PDB file of all heavy atoms in Angstrom:
ATOM      1  N   GLY A   1      17.648   6.426 -16.339  1.00  0.00           N
ATOM      2  CA  GLY A   1      16.702   5.471 -15.838  1.00  0.00           C
ATOM      3  C   GLY A   1      15.541   6.182 -15.162  1.00  0.00           C
ATOM      4  O   GLY A   1      15.525   7.409 -14.998  1.00  0.00           O
ATOM      5  N   LEU A   2      14.581   5.386 -14.657  1.00  0.00           N
ATOM      6  CA  LEU A   2      13.355   5.837 -14.167  1.00  0.00           C
ATOM      7  C   LEU A   2      13.521   6.602 -12.859  1.00  0.00           C
ATOM      8  O   LEU A   2      12.975   7.687 -12.640  1.00  0.00           O
ATOM      9  CB  LEU A   2      12.363   4.690 -13.942  1.00  0.00           C
ATOM     10  CG  LEU A   2      10.951   5.017 -13.483  1.00  0.00           C
ATOM     11  CD1 LEU A   2      10.190   5.884 -14.466  1.00  0.00           C
ATOM     12  CD2 LEU A   2      10.197   3.698 -13.345  1.00  0.00           C
ATOM     13  N   SER A   3      14.263   6.047 -12.006  1.00  0.00           N
ATOM     14  CA  SER A   3      14.451   6.723 -10.667  1.00  0.00           C
ATOM     15  C   SER A   3      15.155   8.007 -10.819  1.00  0.00           C
ATOM     16  O   SER A   3      14.696   9.090 -10.244  1.00  0.00           O
ATOM     17  CB  SER A   3      15.281   5.739  -9.712  1.00  0.00           C
ATOM     18  OG  SER A   3      15.547   6.389  -8.525  1.00  0.00           O
ATOM     19  N   ALA A   4      16.202   8.056 -11.629  1.00  0.00           N
ATOM     20  CA  ALA A   4      16.916   9.442 -11.827  1.00  0.00           C
ATOM     21  C   ALA A   4      16.067  10.418 -12.483  1.00  0.00           C
ATOM     22  O   ALA A   4      16.008  11.583 -12.075  1.00  0.00           O
ATOM     23  CB  ALA A   4      18.136   9.182 -12.679  1.00  0.00           C
ATOM     24  N   GLY A   5      15.211   9.930 -13.396  1.00  0.00           N
ATOM     25  CA  GLY A   5      14.323  10.885 -14.083  1.00  0.00           C
ATOM     26  C   GLY A   5      13.325  11.454 -13.188  1.00  0.00           C
ATOM     27  O   GLY A   5      13.012  12.675 -13.205  1.00  0.00           O
ATOM     28  N   TYR A   6      12.755  10.559 -12.347  1.00  0.00           N
ATOM     29  CA  TYR A   6      11.737  11.111 -11.422  1.00  0.00           C
ATOM     30  C   TYR A   6      12.328  12.060 -10.349  1.00  0.00           C
ATOM     31  O   TYR A   6      11.699  13.052 -10.096  1.00  0.00           O
ATOM     32  CB  TYR A   6      11.049   9.936 -10.636  1.00  0.00           C
ATOM     33  CG  TYR A   6      10.070  10.387  -9.550  1.00  0.00           C
ATOM     34  CD1 TYR A   6       8.705  10.743 -10.023  1.00  0.00           C
ATOM     35  CD2 TYR A   6      10.404  10.572  -8.270  1.00  0.00           C
ATOM     36  CE1 TYR A   6       7.875  11.329  -9.030  1.00  0.00           C
ATOM     37  CE2 TYR A   6       9.553  11.050  -7.320  1.00  0.00           C
ATOM     38  CZ  TYR A   6       8.225  11.424  -7.739  1.00  0.00           C
ATOM     39  OH  TYR A   6       7.324  11.890  -6.838  1.00  0.00           O
ATOM     40  N   GLN A   7      13.450  11.748  -9.879  1.00  0.00           N
ATOM     41  CA  GLN A   7      14.099  12.643  -8.892  1.00  0.00           C
ATOM     42  C   GLN A   7      14.384  14.005  -9.503  1.00  0.00           C
ATOM     43  O   GLN A   7      14.183  14.964  -8.774  1.00  0.00           O
ATOM     44  CB  GLN A   7      15.370  11.957  -8.363  1.00  0.00           C
ATOM     45  CG  GLN A   7      15.177  10.765  -7.452  1.00  0.00           C
ATOM     46  CD  GLN A   7      16.518  10.228  -7.020  1.00  0.00           C
ATOM     47  OE1 GLN A   7      17.297  10.851  -6.403  1.00  0.00           O
ATOM     48  NE2 GLN A   7      16.752   8.837  -7.295  1.00  0.00           N
ATOM     49  N   PHE A   8      14.980  14.035 -10.700  1.00  0.00           N
ATOM     50  CA  PHE A   8      15.232  15.327 -11.305  1.00  0.00           C
ATOM     51  C   PHE A   8      13.979  16.119 -11.548  1.00  0.00           C
ATOM     52  O   PHE A   8      13.931  17.344 -11.266  1.00  0.00           O
ATOM     53  CB  PHE A   8      15.962  15.097 -12.617  1.00  0.00           C
ATOM     54  CG  PHE A   8      16.914  16.159 -12.999  1.00  0.00           C
ATOM     55  CD1 PHE A   8      18.323  15.949 -13.090  1.00  0.00           C
ATOM     56  CD2 PHE A   8      16.459  17.445 -13.340  1.00  0.00           C
ATOM     57  CE1 PHE A   8      19.106  16.986 -13.516  1.00  0.00           C
ATOM     58  CE2 PHE A   8      17.270  18.514 -13.675  1.00  0.00           C
ATOM     59  CZ  PHE A   8      18.646  18.246 -13.734  1.00  0.00           C
ATOM     60  N   TRP A   9      12.964  15.364 -12.064  1.00  0.00           N
ATOM     61  CA  TRP A   9      11.681  16.062 -12.333  1.00  0.00           C
ATOM     62  C   TRP A   9      11.042  16.657 -11.091  1.00  0.00           C
ATOM     63  O   TRP A   9      10.585  17.757 -11.080  1.00  0.00           O
ATOM     64  CB  TRP A   9      10.716  15.010 -13.011  1.00  0.00           C
ATOM     65  CG  TRP A   9       9.254  15.518 -13.184  1.00  0.00           C
ATOM     66  CD1 TRP A   9       8.819  16.227 -14.251  1.00  0.00           C
ATOM     67  CD2 TRP A   9       8.231  15.405 -12.290  1.00  0.00           C
ATOM     68  NE1 TRP A   9       7.551  16.604 -14.048  1.00  0.00           N
ATOM     69  CE2 TRP A   9       7.123  16.006 -12.804  1.00  0.00           C
ATOM     70  CE3 TRP A   9       8.079  14.708 -11.060  1.00  0.00           C
ATOM     71  CZ2 TRP A   9       5.866  16.012 -12.187  1.00  0.00           C
ATOM     72  CZ3 TRP A   9       6.826  14.761 -10.408  1.00  0.00           C
ATOM     73  CH2 TRP A   9       5.739  15.424 -10.974  1.00  0.00           C
ATOM     74  N   LYS A  10      11.009  15.838 -10.035  1.00  0.00           N
ATOM     75  CA  LYS A  10      10.377  16.253  -8.795  1.00  0.00           C
ATOM     76  C   LYS A  10      11.158  17.407  -8.096  1.00  0.00           C
ATOM     77  O   LYS A  10      10.546  18.358  -7.574  1.00  0.00           O
ATOM     78  CB  LYS A  10      10.323  15.110  -7.770  1.00  0.00           C
ATOM     79  CG  LYS A  10       9.593  15.437  -6.424  1.00  0.00           C
ATOM     80  CD  LYS A  10       8.195  15.752  -6.701  1.00  0.00           C
ATOM     81  CE  LYS A  10       7.390  15.781  -5.323  1.00  0.00           C
ATOM     82  NZ  LYS A  10       7.854  16.701  -4.324  1.00  0.00           N
ATOM     83  N   ALA A  11      12.470  17.316  -8.145  1.00  0.00           N
ATOM     84  CA  ALA A  11      13.286  18.419  -7.650  1.00  0.00           C
ATOM     85  C   ALA A  11      13.037  19.737  -8.367  1.00  0.00           C
ATOM     86  O   ALA A  11      13.034  20.842  -7.736  1.00  0.00           O
ATOM     87  CB  ALA A  11      14.801  18.050  -7.634  1.00  0.00           C
ATOM     88  N   LEU A  12      12.940  19.639  -9.689  1.00  0.00           N
ATOM     89  CA  LEU A  12      12.559  20.900 -10.397  1.00  0.00           C
ATOM     90  C   LEU A  12      11.252  21.384 -10.003  1.00  0.00           C
ATOM     91  O   LEU A  12      11.016  22.642  -9.904  1.00  0.00           O
ATOM     92  CB  LEU A  12      12.653  20.598 -11.931  1.00  0.00           C
ATOM     93  CG  LEU A  12      13.995  20.468 -12.599  1.00  0.00           C
ATOM     94  CD1 LEU A  12      13.843  20.200 -14.036  1.00  0.00           C
ATOM     95  CD2 LEU A  12      14.744  21.798 -12.428  1.00  0.00           C
ATOM     96  N   LEU A  13      10.327  20.517  -9.896  1.00  0.00           N
ATOM     97  CA  LEU A  13       8.906  20.931  -9.587  1.00  0.00           C
ATOM     98  C   LEU A  13       8.914  21.632  -8.175  1.00  0.00           C
ATOM     99  O   LEU A  13       8.269  22.567  -7.878  1.00  0.00           O
ATOM    100  CB  LEU A  13       7.969  19.789  -9.572  1.00  0.00           C
ATOM    101  CG  LEU A  13       6.402  20.085  -9.392  1.00  0.00           C
ATOM    102  CD1 LEU A  13       5.911  21.053 -10.429  1.00  0.00           C
ATOM    103  CD2 LEU A  13       5.689  18.737  -9.276  1.00  0.00           C
ATOM    104  N   ASP A  14       9.623  21.028  -7.267  1.00  0.00           N
ATOM    105  CA  ASP A  14       9.717  21.630  -5.881  1.00  0.00           C
ATOM    106  C   ASP A  14      10.333  23.068  -5.906  1.00  0.00           C
ATOM    107  O   ASP A  14      10.114  23.837  -5.066  1.00  0.00           O
ATOM    108  CB  ASP A  14      10.641  20.759  -5.017  1.00  0.00           C
ATOM    109  CG  ASP A  14       9.976  19.457  -4.589  1.00  0.00           C
ATOM    110  OD1 ASP A  14       8.740  19.329  -4.810  1.00  0.00           O
ATOM    111  OD2 ASP A  14      10.706  18.463  -4.266  1.00  0.00           O
ATOM    112  N   ARG A  15      11.081  23.359  -7.009  1.00  0.00           N
ATOM    113  CA  ARG A  15      11.673  24.667  -7.148  1.00  0.00           C
ATOM    114  C   ARG A  15      10.840  25.604  -8.098  1.00  0.00           C
ATOM    115  O   ARG A  15      11.322  26.639  -8.586  1.00  0.00           O
ATOM    116  CB  ARG A  15      13.145  24.555  -7.651  1.00  0.00           C
ATOM    117  CG  ARG A  15      14.060  24.077  -6.614  1.00  0.00           C
ATOM    118  CD  ARG A  15      15.365  23.440  -7.107  1.00  0.00           C
ATOM    119  NE  ARG A  15      16.249  23.023  -6.028  1.00  0.00           N
ATOM    120  CZ  ARG A  15      16.070  21.824  -5.360  1.00  0.00           C
ATOM    121  NH1 ARG A  15      15.039  21.120  -5.613  1.00  0.00           N
ATOM    122  NH2 ARG A  15      16.908  21.601  -4.393  1.00  0.00           N
ATOM    123  N   GLY A  16       9.702  25.092  -8.377  1.00  0.00           N
ATOM    124  CA  GLY A  16       8.687  25.982  -9.103  1.00  0.00           C
ATOM    125  C   GLY A  16       8.942  25.856 -10.653  1.00  0.00           C
ATOM    126  O   GLY A  16       8.530  26.793 -11.375  1.00  0.00           O
ATOM    127  N   ILE A  17       9.548  24.811 -11.147  1.00  0.00           N
ATOM    128  CA  ILE A  17       9.778  24.657 -12.578  1.00  0.00           C
ATOM    129  C   ILE A  17       9.111  23.337 -13.011  1.00  0.00           C
ATOM    130  O   ILE A  17       9.499  22.184 -12.540  1.00  0.00           O
ATOM    131  CB  ILE A  17      11.300  24.601 -12.921  1.00  0.00           C
ATOM    132  CG1 ILE A  17      12.040  25.810 -12.410  1.00  0.00           C
ATOM    133  CG2 ILE A  17      11.427  24.416 -14.433  1.00  0.00           C
ATOM    134  CD1 ILE A  17      11.638  27.149 -13.075  1.00  0.00           C
ATOM    135  N   TYR A  18       8.070  23.363 -13.831  1.00  0.00           N
ATOM    136  CA  TYR A  18       7.493  22.203 -14.388  1.00  0.00           C
ATOM    137  C   TYR A  18       7.948  21.851 -15.707  1.00  0.00           C
ATOM    138  O   TYR A  18       7.962  22.659 -16.633  1.00  0.00           O
ATOM    139  CB  TYR A  18       5.959  22.438 -14.460  1.00  0.00           C
ATOM    140  CG  TYR A  18       5.286  21.190 -15.109  1.00  0.00           C
ATOM    141  CD1 TYR A  18       4.853  20.103 -14.314  1.00  0.00           C
ATOM    142  CD2 TYR A  18       5.036  21.188 -16.387  1.00  0.00           C
ATOM    143  CE1 TYR A  18       4.237  19.052 -14.922  1.00  0.00           C
ATOM    144  CE2 TYR A  18       4.347  20.074 -17.076  1.00  0.00           C
ATOM    145  CZ  TYR A  18       4.028  19.026 -16.254  1.00  0.00           C
ATOM    146  OH  TYR A  18       3.422  17.909 -16.746  1.00  0.00           O
ATOM    147  N   VAL A  19       8.462  20.663 -15.950  1.00  0.00           N
ATOM    148  CA  VAL A  19       8.796  20.082 -17.207  1.00  0.00           C
ATOM    149  C   VAL A  19       8.037  18.757 -17.352  1.00  0.00           C
ATOM    150  O   VAL A  19       7.466  18.198 -16.370  1.00  0.00           O
ATOM    151  CB  VAL A  19      10.272  19.937 -17.371  1.00  0.00           C
ATOM    152  CG1 VAL A  19      10.994  21.271 -17.211  1.00  0.00           C
ATOM    153  CG2 VAL A  19      10.890  18.906 -16.327  1.00  0.00           C
ATOM    154  N   ASN A  20       8.126  18.181 -18.568  1.00  0.00           N
ATOM    155  CA  ASN A  20       7.465  16.877 -18.825  1.00  0.00           C
ATOM    156  C   ASN A  20       8.462  15.736 -18.517  1.00  0.00           C
ATOM    157  O   ASN A  20       9.621  15.757 -18.973  1.00  0.00           O
ATOM    158  CB  ASN A  20       6.979  16.714 -20.182  1.00  0.00           C
ATOM    159  CG  ASN A  20       5.878  17.727 -20.509  1.00  0.00           C
ATOM    160  OD1 ASN A  20       6.014  18.543 -21.421  1.00  0.00           O
ATOM    161  ND2 ASN A  20       4.773  17.684 -19.769  1.00  0.00           N
ATOM    162  N   LEU A  21       8.046  14.780 -17.753  1.00  0.00           N
ATOM    163  CA  LEU A  21       8.738  13.507 -17.605  1.00  0.00           C
ATOM    164  C   LEU A  21       8.108  12.507 -18.496  1.00  0.00           C
ATOM    165  O   LEU A  21       7.003  12.135 -18.337  1.00  0.00           O
ATOM    166  CB  LEU A  21       8.731  13.000 -16.115  1.00  0.00           C
ATOM    167  CG  LEU A  21       9.356  11.642 -15.877  1.00  0.00           C
ATOM    168  CD1 LEU A  21      10.835  11.697 -16.156  1.00  0.00           C
ATOM    169  CD2 LEU A  21       9.077  11.230 -14.372  1.00  0.00           C
ATOM    170  N   LEU A  22       8.886  12.013 -19.532  1.00  0.00           N
ATOM    171  CA  LEU A  22       8.379  11.182 -20.595  1.00  0.00           C
ATOM    172  C   LEU A  22       8.957   9.819 -20.308  1.00  0.00           C
ATOM    173  O   LEU A  22      10.135   9.645 -20.129  1.00  0.00           O
ATOM    174  CB  LEU A  22       8.671  11.651 -21.942  1.00  0.00           C
ATOM    175  CG  LEU A  22       8.170  13.097 -22.281  1.00  0.00           C
ATOM    176  CD1 LEU A  22       8.578  13.472 -23.662  1.00  0.00           C
ATOM    177  CD2 LEU A  22       6.696  13.244 -22.004  1.00  0.00           C
ATOM    178  N   LEU A  23       8.056   8.821 -20.392  1.00  0.00           N
ATOM    179  CA  LEU A  23       8.517   7.443 -20.043  1.00  0.00           C
ATOM    180  C   LEU A  23       8.081   6.484 -21.162  1.00  0.00           C
ATOM    181  O   LEU A  23       7.210   6.766 -21.946  1.00  0.00           O
ATOM    182  CB  LEU A  23       7.695   6.942 -18.757  1.00  0.00           C
ATOM    183  CG  LEU A  23       7.703   7.898 -17.618  1.00  0.00           C
ATOM    184  CD1 LEU A  23       6.799   7.373 -16.463  1.00  0.00           C
ATOM    185  CD2 LEU A  23       9.166   7.974 -17.045  1.00  0.00           C
ATOM    186  N   PRO A  24       8.822   5.359 -21.210  1.00  0.00           N
ATOM    187  CA  PRO A  24       8.384   4.254 -22.167  1.00  0.00           C
ATOM    188  C   PRO A  24       6.985   3.834 -21.827  1.00  0.00           C
ATOM    189  O   PRO A  24       6.560   3.864 -20.701  1.00  0.00           O
ATOM    190  CB  PRO A  24       9.387   3.147 -21.942  1.00  0.00           C
ATOM    191  CG  PRO A  24      10.535   3.812 -21.264  1.00  0.00           C
ATOM    192  CD  PRO A  24       9.937   4.940 -20.357  1.00  0.00           C
ATOM    193  N   PRO A  25       6.150   3.425 -22.823  1.00  0.00           N
ATOM    194  CA  PRO A  25       6.454   3.228 -24.254  1.00  0.00           C
ATOM    195  C   PRO A  25       6.306   4.461 -25.100  1.00  0.00           C
ATOM    196  O   PRO A  25       6.397   4.344 -26.303  1.00  0.00           O
ATOM    197  CB  PRO A  25       5.518   2.143 -24.632  1.00  0.00           C
ATOM    198  CG  PRO A  25       4.205   2.478 -23.840  1.00  0.00           C
ATOM    199  CD  PRO A  25       4.750   2.986 -22.449  1.00  0.00           C
ATOM    200  N   SER A  26       6.049   5.614 -24.517  1.00  0.00           N
ATOM    201  CA  SER A  26       5.856   6.821 -25.302  1.00  0.00           C
ATOM    202  C   SER A  26       7.155   7.472 -25.815  1.00  0.00           C
ATOM    203  O   SER A  26       7.109   8.467 -26.521  1.00  0.00           O
ATOM    204  CB  SER A  26       5.095   7.903 -24.518  1.00  0.00           C
ATOM    205  OG  SER A  26       5.783   8.302 -23.358  1.00  0.00           O
ATOM    206  N   THR A  27       8.308   6.922 -25.483  1.00  0.00           N
ATOM    207  CA  THR A  27       9.605   7.433 -25.857  1.00  0.00           C
ATOM    208  C   THR A  27      10.372   6.516 -26.786  1.00  0.00           C
ATOM    209  O   THR A  27      10.190   5.254 -26.696  1.00  0.00           O
ATOM    210  CB  THR A  27      10.482   7.750 -24.597  1.00  0.00           C
ATOM    211  OG1 THR A  27      10.578   6.544 -23.878  1.00  0.00           O
ATOM    212  CG2 THR A  27       9.824   8.867 -23.789  1.00  0.00           C
ATOM    213  N   PRO A  28      11.237   7.029 -27.661  1.00  0.00           N
ATOM    214  CA  PRO A  28      12.003   6.126 -28.491  1.00  0.00           C
ATOM    215  C   PRO A  28      13.013   5.338 -27.798  1.00  0.00           C
ATOM    216  O   PRO A  28      13.647   5.816 -26.786  1.00  0.00           O
ATOM    217  CB  PRO A  28      12.722   7.114 -29.502  1.00  0.00           C
ATOM    218  CG  PRO A  28      11.981   8.411 -29.289  1.00  0.00           C
ATOM    219  CD  PRO A  28      11.433   8.392 -27.926  1.00  0.00           C
ATOM    220  N   ASP A  29      13.178   4.072 -28.233  1.00  0.00           N
ATOM    221  CA  ASP A  29      14.270   3.249 -27.562  1.00  0.00           C
ATOM    222  C   ASP A  29      14.167   2.996 -26.119  1.00  0.00           C
ATOM    223  O   ASP A  29      15.203   2.824 -25.433  1.00  0.00           O
ATOM    224  CB  ASP A  29      15.634   3.768 -28.007  1.00  0.00           C
ATOM    225  CG  ASP A  29      15.800   4.086 -29.489  1.00  0.00           C
ATOM    226  OD1 ASP A  29      15.331   3.227 -30.260  1.00  0.00           O
ATOM    227  OD2 ASP A  29      16.396   5.079 -29.842  1.00  0.00           O
ATOM    228  N   GLY A  30      13.040   3.151 -25.468  1.00  0.00           N
ATOM    229  CA  GLY A  30      12.851   2.905 -24.060  1.00  0.00           C
ATOM    230  C   GLY A  30      13.502   3.893 -23.145  1.00  0.00           C
ATOM    231  O   GLY A  30      13.806   3.667 -21.986  1.00  0.00           O
ATOM    232  N   GLU A  31      13.797   5.157 -23.713  1.00  0.00           N
ATOM    233  CA  GLU A  31      14.491   6.109 -22.978  1.00  0.00           C
ATOM    234  C   GLU A  31      13.502   6.766 -21.862  1.00  0.00           C
ATOM    235  O   GLU A  31      12.291   6.848 -22.062  1.00  0.00           O
ATOM    236  CB  GLU A  31      15.036   7.205 -23.756  1.00  0.00           C
ATOM    237  CG  GLU A  31      16.096   6.663 -24.718  1.00  0.00           C
ATOM    238  CD  GLU A  31      16.593   7.802 -25.733  1.00  0.00           C
ATOM    239  OE1 GLU A  31      15.756   8.675 -25.957  1.00  0.00           O
ATOM    240  OE2 GLU A  31      17.727   7.659 -26.206  1.00  0.00           O
ATOM    241  N   VAL A  32      14.159   7.276 -20.789  1.00  0.00           N
ATOM    242  CA  VAL A  32      13.389   8.163 -19.884  1.00  0.00           C
ATOM    243  C   VAL A  32      13.970   9.560 -20.069  1.00  0.00           C
ATOM    244  O   VAL A  32      15.226   9.799 -20.037  1.00  0.00           O
ATOM    245  CB  VAL A  32      13.605   7.716 -18.373  1.00  0.00           C
ATOM    246  CG1 VAL A  32      12.978   8.728 -17.420  1.00  0.00           C
ATOM    247  CG2 VAL A  32      13.040   6.300 -18.208  1.00  0.00           C
ATOM    248  N   VAL A  33      13.175  10.544 -20.332  1.00  0.00           N
ATOM    249  CA  VAL A  33      13.613  11.854 -20.722  1.00  0.00           C
ATOM    250  C   VAL A  33      12.868  12.948 -20.017  1.00  0.00           C
ATOM    251  O   VAL A  33      11.653  12.737 -19.599  1.00  0.00           O
ATOM    252  CB  VAL A  33      13.573  12.120 -22.232  1.00  0.00           C
ATOM    253  CG1 VAL A  33      14.352  11.151 -23.024  1.00  0.00           C
ATOM    254  CG2 VAL A  33      12.142  12.159 -22.735  1.00  0.00           C
ATOM    255  N   LEU A  34      13.520  14.088 -19.722  1.00  0.00           N
ATOM    256  CA  LEU A  34      12.850  15.264 -19.348  1.00  0.00           C
ATOM    257  C   LEU A  34      12.711  16.155 -20.599  1.00  0.00           C
ATOM    258  O   LEU A  34      13.673  16.385 -21.290  1.00  0.00           O
ATOM    259  CB  LEU A  34      13.642  16.009 -18.230  1.00  0.00           C
ATOM    260  CG  LEU A  34      13.806  15.372 -16.881  1.00  0.00           C
ATOM    261  CD1 LEU A  34      14.619  16.190 -15.983  1.00  0.00           C
ATOM    262  CD2 LEU A  34      12.425  15.006 -16.333  1.00  0.00           C
ATOM    263  N   ARG A  35      11.537  16.746 -20.763  1.00  0.00           N
ATOM    264  CA  ARG A  35      11.308  17.659 -21.966  1.00  0.00           C
ATOM    265  C   ARG A  35      10.946  18.991 -21.529  1.00  0.00           C
ATOM    266  O   ARG A  35       9.927  19.239 -20.874  1.00  0.00           O
ATOM    267  CB  ARG A  35      10.216  17.042 -22.888  1.00  0.00           C
ATOM    268  CG  ARG A  35       9.970  17.817 -24.136  1.00  0.00           C
ATOM    269  CD  ARG A  35       8.963  17.293 -25.028  1.00  0.00           C
ATOM    270  NE  ARG A  35       7.662  17.326 -24.434  1.00  0.00           N
ATOM    271  CZ  ARG A  35       6.533  16.776 -24.977  1.00  0.00           C
ATOM    272  NH1 ARG A  35       6.646  16.088 -26.096  1.00  0.00           N
ATOM    273  NH2 ARG A  35       5.359  16.880 -24.432  1.00  0.00           N
ATOM    274  N   PHE A  36      11.805  19.936 -21.931  1.00  0.00           N
ATOM    275  CA  PHE A  36      11.580  21.341 -21.674  1.00  0.00           C
ATOM    276  C   PHE A  36      10.882  21.948 -22.959  1.00  0.00           C
ATOM    277  O   PHE A  36      11.468  21.777 -23.975  1.00  0.00           O
ATOM    278  CB  PHE A  36      12.874  22.091 -21.481  1.00  0.00           C
ATOM    279  CG  PHE A  36      13.553  21.918 -20.168  1.00  0.00           C
ATOM    280  CD1 PHE A  36      14.258  20.722 -19.926  1.00  0.00           C
ATOM    281  CD2 PHE A  36      13.506  22.805 -19.208  1.00  0.00           C
ATOM    282  CE1 PHE A  36      14.959  20.483 -18.756  1.00  0.00           C
ATOM    283  CE2 PHE A  36      14.174  22.594 -17.974  1.00  0.00           C
ATOM    284  CZ  PHE A  36      14.887  21.437 -17.753  1.00  0.00           C
ATOM    285  N   SER A  37       9.737  22.488 -22.835  1.00  0.00           N
ATOM    286  CA  SER A  37       9.077  23.212 -23.928  1.00  0.00           C
ATOM    287  C   SER A  37       9.294  24.711 -23.753  1.00  0.00           C
ATOM    288  O   SER A  37       8.926  25.226 -22.759  1.00  0.00           O
ATOM    289  CB  SER A  37       7.657  22.875 -24.019  1.00  0.00           C
ATOM    290  OG  SER A  37       7.449  21.484 -24.351  1.00  0.00           O
ATOM    291  N   VAL A  38       9.754  25.363 -24.773  1.00  0.00           N
ATOM    292  CA  VAL A  38      10.070  26.789 -24.698  1.00  0.00           C
ATOM    293  C   VAL A  38       8.958  27.638 -25.434  1.00  0.00           C
ATOM    294  O   VAL A  38       8.421  27.155 -26.382  1.00  0.00           O
ATOM    295  CB  VAL A  38      11.406  27.099 -25.360  1.00  0.00           C
ATOM    296  CG1 VAL A  38      11.839  28.579 -25.051  1.00  0.00           C
ATOM    297  CG2 VAL A  38      12.512  26.130 -24.807  1.00  0.00           C
ATOM    298  N   SER A  39       8.685  28.815 -24.918  1.00  0.00           N
ATOM    299  CA  SER A  39       7.693  29.613 -25.454  1.00  0.00           C
ATOM    300  C   SER A  39       8.273  30.994 -25.695  1.00  0.00           C
ATOM    301  O   SER A  39       9.117  31.480 -25.043  1.00  0.00           O
ATOM    302  CB  SER A  39       6.448  29.742 -24.444  1.00  0.00           C
ATOM    303  OG  SER A  39       5.517  30.719 -24.862  1.00  0.00           O
ATOM    304  N   ALA A  40       7.659  31.691 -26.623  1.00  0.00           N
ATOM    305  CA  ALA A  40       7.981  33.058 -26.844  1.00  0.00           C
ATOM    306  C   ALA A  40       7.572  33.896 -25.713  1.00  0.00           C
ATOM    307  O   ALA A  40       8.044  35.068 -25.479  1.00  0.00           O
ATOM    308  CB  ALA A  40       7.262  33.616 -28.125  1.00  0.00           C
ATOM    309  N   ALA A  41       6.614  33.452 -24.871  1.00  0.00           N
ATOM    310  CA  ALA A  41       6.130  34.178 -23.799  1.00  0.00           C
ATOM    311  C   ALA A  41       6.989  34.165 -22.554  1.00  0.00           C
ATOM    312  O   ALA A  41       6.853  34.908 -21.612  1.00  0.00           O
ATOM    313  CB  ALA A  41       4.698  33.672 -23.369  1.00  0.00           C
ATOM    314  N   HIS A  42       8.029  33.219 -22.564  1.00  0.00           N
ATOM    315  CA  HIS A  42       8.927  33.260 -21.445  1.00  0.00           C
ATOM    316  C   HIS A  42       9.833  34.556 -21.526  1.00  0.00           C
ATOM    317  O   HIS A  42      10.222  34.925 -22.656  1.00  0.00           O
ATOM    318  CB  HIS A  42       9.943  32.034 -21.519  1.00  0.00           C
ATOM    319  CG  HIS A  42       9.280  30.770 -21.150  1.00  0.00           C
ATOM    320  ND1 HIS A  42       9.094  29.676 -21.921  1.00  0.00           N
ATOM    321  CD2 HIS A  42       8.696  30.367 -19.931  1.00  0.00           C
ATOM    322  CE1 HIS A  42       8.483  28.674 -21.255  1.00  0.00           C
ATOM    323  NE2 HIS A  42       8.322  29.110 -20.073  1.00  0.00           N
ATOM    324  N   THR A  43      10.154  35.078 -20.399  1.00  0.00           N
ATOM    325  CA  THR A  43      11.007  36.288 -20.335  1.00  0.00           C
ATOM    326  C   THR A  43      12.470  35.680 -20.161  1.00  0.00           C
ATOM    327  O   THR A  43      12.725  34.573 -19.719  1.00  0.00           O
ATOM    328  CB  THR A  43      10.794  37.130 -19.181  1.00  0.00           C
ATOM    329  OG1 THR A  43      10.947  36.413 -17.945  1.00  0.00           O
ATOM    330  CG2 THR A  43       9.269  37.611 -19.158  1.00  0.00           C
TER     331      THR A  43
END
């Protein structure tokens, strides 16, 4: 749900980790998701 997604996203950001919080209608089936994008540049 929305509240759980926001809390997880904000807590990660407070710890210096930025991920995407994706919300309906941009997500399939009305889901709330956190998206981690990985890079070759990460150590």
